[in-house]
C-alpha atoms as a PDB file:
ATOM      1  CA  MET A   1      84.753 -98.352 288.520  1.00  0.00           C
ATOM      2  CA  PRO A   2      83.917-102.061 287.782  1.00  0.00           C
ATOM      3  CA  ARG A   3      83.156-102.867 284.134  1.00  0.00           C
ATOM      4  CA  ARG A   4      79.436-103.243 283.442  1.00  0.00           C
ATOM      5  CA  HIS A   5      78.556-105.856 280.805  1.00  0.00           C
ATOM      6  CA  LEU A   6      75.285-105.953 278.931  1.00  0.00           C
ATOM      7  CA  PRO A   7      73.189-109.090 279.535  1.00  0.00           C
ATOM      8  CA  HIS A   8      73.803-112.077 277.242  1.00  0.00           C
ATOM      9  CA  GLY A   9      71.671-111.976 274.129  1.00  0.00           C
ATOM     10  CA  CYS A  10      71.689-108.193 273.742  1.00  0.00           C
ATOM     11  CA  GLY A  11      73.932-108.473 270.701  1.00  0.00           C
ATOM     12  CA  VAL A  12      76.469-105.868 271.931  1.00  0.00           C
ATOM     13  CA  PRO A  13      79.714-107.465 273.173  1.00  0.00           C
ATOM     14  CA  ALA A  14      81.783-106.148 276.053  1.00  0.00           C
ATOM     15  CA  GLY A  15      84.333-103.647 274.802  1.00  0.00           C
ATOM     16  CA  HIS A  16      82.029-102.398 272.059  1.00  0.00           C
ATOM     17  CA  PRO A  17      82.124 -98.555 271.763  1.00  0.00           C
ATOM     18  CA  LEU A  18      78.483 -98.363 272.875  1.00  0.00           C
ATOM     19  CA  VAL A  19      79.346-100.123 276.122  1.00  0.00           C
ATOM     20  CA  THR A  20      82.307 -97.799 276.634  1.00  0.00           C
ATOM     21  CA  VAL A  21      80.095 -94.728 276.159  1.00  0.00           C
ATOM     22  CA  VAL A  22      77.619 -95.965 278.741  1.00  0.00           C
ATOM     23  CA  GLU A  23      80.395 -96.863 281.185  1.00  0.00           C
ATOM     24  CA  GLY A  24      82.057 -93.469 280.781  1.00  0.00           C
ATOM     25  CA  ALA A  25      78.797 -91.646 281.349  1.00  0.00           C
ATOM     26  CA  LEU A  26      77.967 -93.786 284.374  1.00  0.00           C
ATOM     27  CA  SER A  27      81.400 -93.077 285.836  1.00  0.00           C
ATOM     28  CA  MET A  28      80.982 -89.307 285.579  1.00  0.00           C
ATOM     29  CA  ILE A  29      77.383 -89.374 286.772  1.00  0.00           C
ATOM     30  CA  HIS A  30      78.455 -91.518 289.741  1.00  0.00           C
ATOM     31  CA  ARG A  31      81.007 -88.859 290.741  1.00  0.00           C
ATOM     32  CA  HIS A  32      78.291 -86.207 290.842  1.00  0.00           C
ATOM     33  CA  LEU A  33      75.443 -88.488 291.907  1.00  0.00           C
ATOM     34  CA  PRO A  34      74.398 -86.562 295.058  1.00  0.00           C
ATOM     35  CA  TRP A  35      73.920 -83.390 293.007  1.00  0.00           C
ATOM     36  CA  LEU A  36      72.139 -85.122 290.147  1.00  0.00           C
ATOM     37  CA  LEU A  37      69.730 -86.909 292.443  1.00  0.00           C
ATOM     38  CA  ALA A  38      69.038 -83.802 294.485  1.00  0.00           C
ATOM     39  CA  ALA A  39      68.547 -81.628 291.446  1.00  0.00           C
ATOM     40  CA  ALA A  40      66.648 -83.961 289.164  1.00  0.00           C
ATOM     41  CA  THR A  41      64.071 -84.738 291.831  1.00  0.00           C
ATOM     42  CA  LEU A  42      64.076 -81.148 293.119  1.00  0.00           C
ATOM     43  CA  LEU A  43      64.948 -82.503 296.531  1.00  0.00           C
ATOM     44  CA  ALA A  44      67.356 -80.392 298.543  1.00  0.00           C
ATOM     45  CA  ALA A  45      69.758 -82.803 300.213  1.00  0.00           C
ATOM     46  CA  CYS A  46      69.396 -82.351 303.959  1.00  0.00           C
ATOM     47  CA  ASN A  47      69.591 -85.113 306.511  1.00  0.00           C
ATOM     48  CA  SER A  48      67.087 -84.565 309.303  1.00  0.00           C
ATOM     49  CA  SER A  49      63.341 -84.745 308.763  1.00  0.00           C
ATOM     50  CA  SER A  50      62.941 -81.094 309.721  1.00  0.00           C
ATOM     51  CA  ASP A  51      65.271 -80.129 306.865  1.00  0.00           C
ATOM     52  CA  VAL A  52      63.646 -82.032 304.021  1.00  0.00           C
ATOM     53  CA  GLN A  53      62.805 -79.723 301.138  1.00  0.00           C
ATOM     54  CA  VAL A  54      60.759 -80.688 298.100  1.00  0.00           C
ATOM     55  CA  PHE A  55      59.942 -78.253 295.314  1.00  0.00           C
ATOM     56  CA  GLY A  56      58.302 -78.364 291.916  1.00  0.00           C
ATOM     57  CA  GLY A  57      55.040 -80.077 292.800  1.00  0.00           C
ATOM     58  CA  ASP A  58      51.585 -78.783 293.633  1.00  0.00           C
ATOM     59  CA  THR A  59      52.720 -77.994 297.179  1.00  0.00           C
ATOM     60  CA  ASP A  60      56.323 -77.081 297.962  1.00  0.00           C
ATOM     61  CA  ILE A  61      57.789 -78.193 301.288  1.00  0.00           C
ATOM     62  CA  VAL A  62      60.327 -75.890 302.945  1.00  0.00           C
ATOM     63  CA  ASN A  63      60.481 -78.050 306.087  1.00  0.00           C
ATOM     64  CA  ASP A  64      58.023 -79.920 308.300  1.00  0.00           C
ATOM     65  CA  HIS A  65      56.589 -76.603 309.539  1.00  0.00           C
ATOM     66  CA  ILE A  66      56.373 -74.575 306.315  1.00  0.00           C
ATOM     67  CA  THR A  67      54.747 -75.239 302.942  1.00  0.00           C
ATOM     68  CA  LEU A  68      54.118 -73.109 299.860  1.00  0.00           C
ATOM     69  CA  HIS A  69      51.014 -73.533 297.727  1.00  0.00           C
ATOM     70  CA  ASP A  70      49.530 -71.199 295.128  1.00  0.00           C
ATOM     71  CA  GLY A  71      51.824 -68.368 296.249  1.00  0.00           C
ATOM     72  CA  ARG A  72      50.822 -68.614 299.914  1.00  0.00           C
ATOM     73  CA  VAL A  73      53.078 -69.737 302.752  1.00  0.00           C
ATOM     74  CA  THR A  74      51.452 -71.900 305.430  1.00  0.00           C
ATOM     75  CA  ILE A  75      53.178 -72.147 308.813  1.00  0.00           C
ATOM     76  CA  LYS A  76      52.408 -74.817 311.402  1.00  0.00           C
ATOM     77  CA  ALA A  77      53.283 -74.498 315.077  1.00  0.00           C
ATOM     78  CA  ALA A  78      52.383 -76.565 318.119  1.00  0.00           C
ATOM     79  CA  GLY A  79      49.297 -75.486 320.046  1.00  0.00           C
ATOM     80  CA  VAL A  80      48.126 -72.786 317.623  1.00  0.00           C
ATOM     81  CA  PRO A  81      46.120 -72.735 314.369  1.00  0.00           C
ATOM     82  CA  ASP A  82      47.974 -72.613 311.056  1.00  0.00           C
ATOM     83  CA  ALA A  83      49.103 -69.189 309.861  1.00  0.00           C
ATOM     84  CA  ILE A  84      49.176 -68.087 306.219  1.00  0.00           C
ATOM     85  CA  VAL A  85      51.289 -65.336 304.658  1.00  0.00           C
ATOM     86  CA  ASP A  86      50.304 -64.288 301.141  1.00  0.00           C
ATOM     87  CA  ALA A  87      52.295 -62.405 298.509  1.00  0.00           C
ATOM     88  CA  ASN A  88      50.584 -59.114 299.415  1.00  0.00           C
ATOM     89  CA  GLY A  89      51.906 -59.297 302.960  1.00  0.00           C
ATOM     90  CA  GLN A  90      48.642 -60.314 304.586  1.00  0.00           C
ATOM     91  CA  LEU A  91      48.893 -62.568 307.625  1.00  0.00           C
ATOM     92  CA  SER A  92      45.897 -64.715 308.490  1.00  0.00           C
ATOM     93  CA  VAL A  93      45.534 -67.029 311.477  1.00  0.00           C
ATOM     94  CA  ASN A  94      42.779 -69.631 311.610  1.00  0.00           C
ATOM     95  CA  GLY A  95      41.235 -68.027 308.534  1.00  0.00           C
ATOM     96  CA  GLN A  96      41.086 -64.545 310.056  1.00  0.00           C
ATOM     97  CA  ASN A  97      43.139 -61.636 308.691  1.00  0.00           C
ATOM     98  CA  VAL A  98      45.476 -60.024 311.203  1.00  0.00           C
ATOM     99  CA  PRO A  99      45.670 -56.192 311.080  1.00  0.00           C
ATOM    100  CA  VAL A 100      49.197 -55.063 310.162  1.00  0.00           C
ATOM    101  CA  ASN A 101      50.882 -51.719 309.595  1.00  0.00           C
ATOM    102  CA  GLY A 102      53.034 -50.779 306.617  1.00  0.00           C
ATOM    103  CA  ALA A 103      56.337 -51.936 308.115  1.00  0.00           C
ATOM    104  CA  GLN A 104      54.873 -55.263 309.199  1.00  0.00           C
ATOM    105  CA  ARG A 105      53.308 -55.814 305.792  1.00  0.00           C
ATOM    106  CA  ALA A 106      56.664 -55.161 304.113  1.00  0.00           C
ATOM    107  CA  LEU A 107      58.302 -57.823 306.311  1.00  0.00           C
ATOM    108  CA  LEU A 108      55.534 -60.310 305.527  1.00  0.00           C
ATOM    109  CA  GLN A 109      56.035 -59.616 301.822  1.00  0.00           C
ATOM    110  CA  ARG A 110      59.765 -60.290 302.223  1.00  0.00           C
ATOM    111  CA  TYR A 111      58.995 -63.542 304.005  1.00  0.00           C
ATOM    112  CA  ASN A 112      56.668 -64.728 301.249  1.00  0.00           C
ATOM    113  CA  ALA A 113      59.000 -63.534 298.478  1.00  0.00           C
ATOM    114  CA  ALA A 114      61.907 -65.511 299.948  1.00  0.00           C
ATOM    115  CA  ALA A 115      59.804 -68.685 299.906  1.00  0.00           C
ATOM    116  CA  GLN A 116      58.803 -68.113 296.291  1.00  0.00           C
ATOM    117  CA  ALA A 117      62.418 -67.368 295.324  1.00  0.00           C
ATOM    118  CA  MET A 118      63.405 -70.646 296.986  1.00  0.00           C
ATOM    119  CA  ARG A 119      60.923 -72.480 294.779  1.00  0.00           C
ATOM    120  CA  ALA A 120      62.226 -70.800 291.620  1.00  0.00           C
ATOM    121  CA  ASP A 121      65.854 -71.506 292.525  1.00  0.00           C
ATOM    122  CA  ALA A 122      65.071 -75.149 293.344  1.00  0.00           C
ATOM    123  CA  ILE A 123      63.494 -75.601 289.928  1.00  0.00           C
ATOM    124  CA  ALA A 124      66.548 -73.961 288.331  1.00  0.00           C
ATOM    125  CA  THR A 125      68.740 -76.403 290.267  1.00  0.00           C
ATOM    126  CA  GLY A 126      66.718 -79.288 288.885  1.00  0.00           C
ATOM    127  CA  LYS A 127      67.196 -78.054 285.338  1.00  0.00           C
ATOM    128  CA  ALA A 128      70.926 -77.649 285.956  1.00  0.00           C
ATOM    129  CA  GLY A 129      71.092 -81.230 287.231  1.00  0.00           C
ATOM    130  CA  ILE A 130      69.440 -82.587 284.111  1.00  0.00           C
ATOM    131  CA  GLU A 131      71.842 -80.537 281.982  1.00  0.00           C
ATOM    132  CA  THR A 132      74.778 -81.979 283.934  1.00  0.00           C
ATOM    133  CA  ALA A 133      73.662 -85.535 283.218  1.00  0.00           C
ATOM    134  CA  THR A 134      73.215 -84.721 279.535  1.00  0.00           C
ATOM    135  CA  LYS A 135      76.677 -83.162 279.311  1.00  0.00           C
ATOM    136  CA  ALA A 136      78.258 -86.134 281.078  1.00  0.00           C
ATOM    137  CA  ILE A 137      76.805 -88.556 278.552  1.00  0.00           C
ATOM    138  CA  GLY A 138      77.724 -86.316 275.617  1.00  0.00           C
ATOM    139  CA  ALA A 139      81.262 -85.831 276.881  1.00  0.00           C
ATOM    140  CA  ALA A 140      81.730 -89.575 277.326  1.00  0.00           C
ATOM    141  CA  ALA A 141      80.573 -90.130 273.757  1.00  0.00           C
ATOM    142  CA  GLY A 142      83.035 -87.486 272.573  1.00  0.00           C
ATOM    143  CA  LYS A 143      85.850 -89.305 274.330  1.00  0.00           C
ATOM    144  CA  VAL A 144      85.010 -92.558 272.538  1.00  0.00           C
ATOM    145  CA  THR A 145      84.944 -90.916 269.114  1.00  0.00           C
ATOM    146  CA  GLY A 146      88.159 -89.025 269.831  1.00  0.00           C
ATOM    147  CA  ALA A 147      86.459 -85.641 269.652  1.00  0.00           C
ATOM    148  CA  GLU A 148      87.461 -84.840 273.240  1.00  0.00           C
ATOM    149  CA  SER A 149      90.437 -85.740 275.412  1.00  0.00           C
ATOM    150  CA  ALA A 150      90.059 -87.317 278.849  1.00  0.00           C
ATOM    151  CA  ASP A 151      90.908 -83.970 280.468  1.00  0.00           C
ATOM    152  CA  ALA A 152      88.321 -82.162 278.352  1.00  0.00           C
ATOM    153  CA  VAL A 153      85.682 -84.727 279.283  1.00  0.00           C
ATOM    154  CA  ARG A 154      86.483 -84.329 282.975  1.00  0.00           C
ATOM    155  CA  ASP A 155      86.483 -80.532 282.741  1.00  0.00           C
ATOM    156  CA  THR A 156      83.109 -80.528 280.984  1.00  0.00           C
ATOM    157  CA  ALA A 157      81.520 -82.717 283.651  1.00  0.00           C
ATOM    158  CA  ASP A 158      83.114 -80.791 286.525  1.00  0.00           C
ATOM    159  CA  ALA A 159      82.013 -77.424 285.135  1.00  0.00           C
ATOM    160  CA  ALA A 160      78.455 -78.672 284.760  1.00  0.00           C
ATOM    161  CA  ALA A 161      78.481 -79.982 288.336  1.00  0.00           C
ATOM    162  CA  ARG A 162      79.733 -76.611 289.607  1.00  0.00           C
ATOM    163  CA  ASN A 163      76.739 -74.984 287.942  1.00  0.00           C
ATOM    164  CA  VAL A 164      74.465 -77.277 289.940  1.00  0.00           C
ATOM    165  CA  LYS A 165      76.241 -76.364 293.183  1.00  0.00           C
ATOM    166  CA  GLN A 166      75.967 -72.650 292.433  1.00  0.00           C
ATOM    167  CA  ALA A 167      72.271 -72.993 291.692  1.00  0.00           C
ATOM    168  CA  ALA A 168      71.707 -75.008 294.876  1.00  0.00           C
ATOM    169  CA  ALA A 169      73.575 -72.412 296.959  1.00  0.00           C
ATOM    170  CA  LYS A 170      70.912 -69.859 296.020  1.00  0.00           C
ATOM    171  CA  ILE A 171      68.324 -72.015 297.795  1.00  0.00           C
ATOM    172  CA  CYS A 172      70.299 -71.574 301.026  1.00  0.00           C
ATOM    173  CA  ASP A 173      70.484 -67.811 300.454  1.00  0.00           C
ATOM    174  CA  ASP A 174      66.704 -67.733 300.075  1.00  0.00           C
ATOM    175  CA  LEU A 175      66.314 -69.786 303.249  1.00  0.00           C
ATOM    176  CA  ALA A 176      68.549 -67.330 305.113  1.00  0.00           C
ATOM    177  CA  GLY A 177      66.479 -64.415 303.806  1.00  0.00           C
ATOM    178  CA  MET A 178      63.279 -66.097 304.930  1.00  0.00           C
ATOM    179  CA  LYS A 179      64.695 -66.686 308.414  1.00  0.00           C
ATOM    180  CA  ALA A 180      65.870 -63.072 308.667  1.00  0.00           C
ATOM    181  CA  ALA A 181      62.347 -61.854 307.855  1.00  0.00           C
ATOM    182  CA  GLN A 182      60.916 -64.369 310.347  1.00  0.00           C
ATOM    183  CA  ASP A 183      63.186 -63.103 313.125  1.00  0.00           C
ATOM    184  CA  GLU A 184      62.260 -59.474 312.460  1.00  0.00           C
ATOM    185  CA  LEU A 185      58.566 -60.323 312.400  1.00  0.00           C
ATOM    186  CA  ALA A 186      58.914 -62.013 315.785  1.00  0.00           C
ATOM    187  CA  THR A 187      59.959 -58.688 317.303  1.00  0.00           C
ATOM    188  CA  GLN A 188      57.460 -56.494 315.460  1.00  0.00           C
ATOM    189  CA  LEU A 189      54.248 -58.510 315.140  1.00  0.00           C
ATOM    190  CA  ASP A 190      52.822 -60.254 318.201  1.00  0.00           C
ATOM    191  CA  ALA A 191      50.476 -62.451 316.155  1.00  0.00           C
ATOM    192  CA  PHE A 192      53.452 -63.902 314.275  1.00  0.00           C
ATOM    193  CA  ARG A 193      55.514 -64.701 317.366  1.00  0.00           C
ATOM    194  CA  PRO A 194      54.155 -68.266 317.886  1.00  0.00           C
ATOM    195  CA  TYR A 195      55.372 -69.123 314.372  1.00  0.00           C
ATOM    196  CA  ALA A 196      58.838 -67.611 314.719  1.00  0.00           C
ATOM    197  CA  GLN A 197      60.554 -70.934 315.449  1.00  0.00           C
ATOM    198  CA  ALA A 198      59.558 -72.563 312.156  1.00  0.00           C
ATOM    199  CA  LEU A 199      63.027 -71.852 310.744  1.00  0.00           C
ATOM    200  CA  SER A 200      66.146 -72.224 312.861  1.00  0.00           C
ATOM    201  CA  GLY A 201      69.743 -71.235 312.351  1.00  0.00           C
ATOM    202  CA  SER A 202      70.624 -74.901 311.913  1.00  0.00           C
ATOM    203  CA  ASN A 203      68.276 -75.112 308.917  1.00  0.00           C
ATOM    204  CA  VAL A 204      70.392 -72.513 307.145  1.00  0.00           C
ATOM    205  CA  SER A 205      73.798 -73.798 308.292  1.00  0.00           C
ATOM    206  CA  GLU A 206      73.003 -77.400 307.352  1.00  0.00           C
ATOM    207  CA  CYS A 207      71.751 -76.285 303.952  1.00  0.00           C
ATOM    208  CA  ARG A 208      75.043 -74.469 303.327  1.00  0.00           C
ATOM    209  CA  GLU A 209      77.039 -77.436 304.587  1.00  0.00           C
ATOM    210  CA  HIS A 210      75.351 -79.800 302.165  1.00  0.00           C
ATOM    211  CA  THR A 211      75.719 -77.493 299.174  1.00  0.00           C
ATOM    212  CA  ALA A 212      79.429 -77.038 299.951  1.00  0.00           C
ATOM    213  CA  HIS A 213      80.191 -80.744 299.355  1.00  0.00           C
END
């Protein structure tokens, strides 16, 4: 990685231990940059617009069809009013509750629970990303002071990055669980059928592909 010098006039010459610490930290963070950026901003790294996921704000975005706000999942589909699934397993369309039986309610609860689990796991991924950045900087400082060897520094950073990947993989598991509930609802609840294309198999597979790298 090219050497980064502080601007003239800062009073810290190139080669100073402080510069070396910063360079070492930047090098390790650069290696894991996709994970740090995805985690710290709570943005799941997917490429197409239909796969963009943003969590941790007032309204969580699963994709361009599904959002989560105040524990309620809102689903948008072409040509029909928005549908809402709450944590109690109540489906409402255009503000009107849809009658459901016990089995249907249980599926709706699973659907909502998967969305809320996705939010929780995305926030956990963000925290893991921040921890990874902190460990990278601390490990680089330890290398400068001689407290840690180069291998130990690398192992510390790599282990922290693996934690981020493991946390992010749970988001994909939640997405798969949400799609499974969606697909079952499509066969058991007529009122839900127009909304059963909100999640596709490619949403899940692309999520897993991105978390694998």
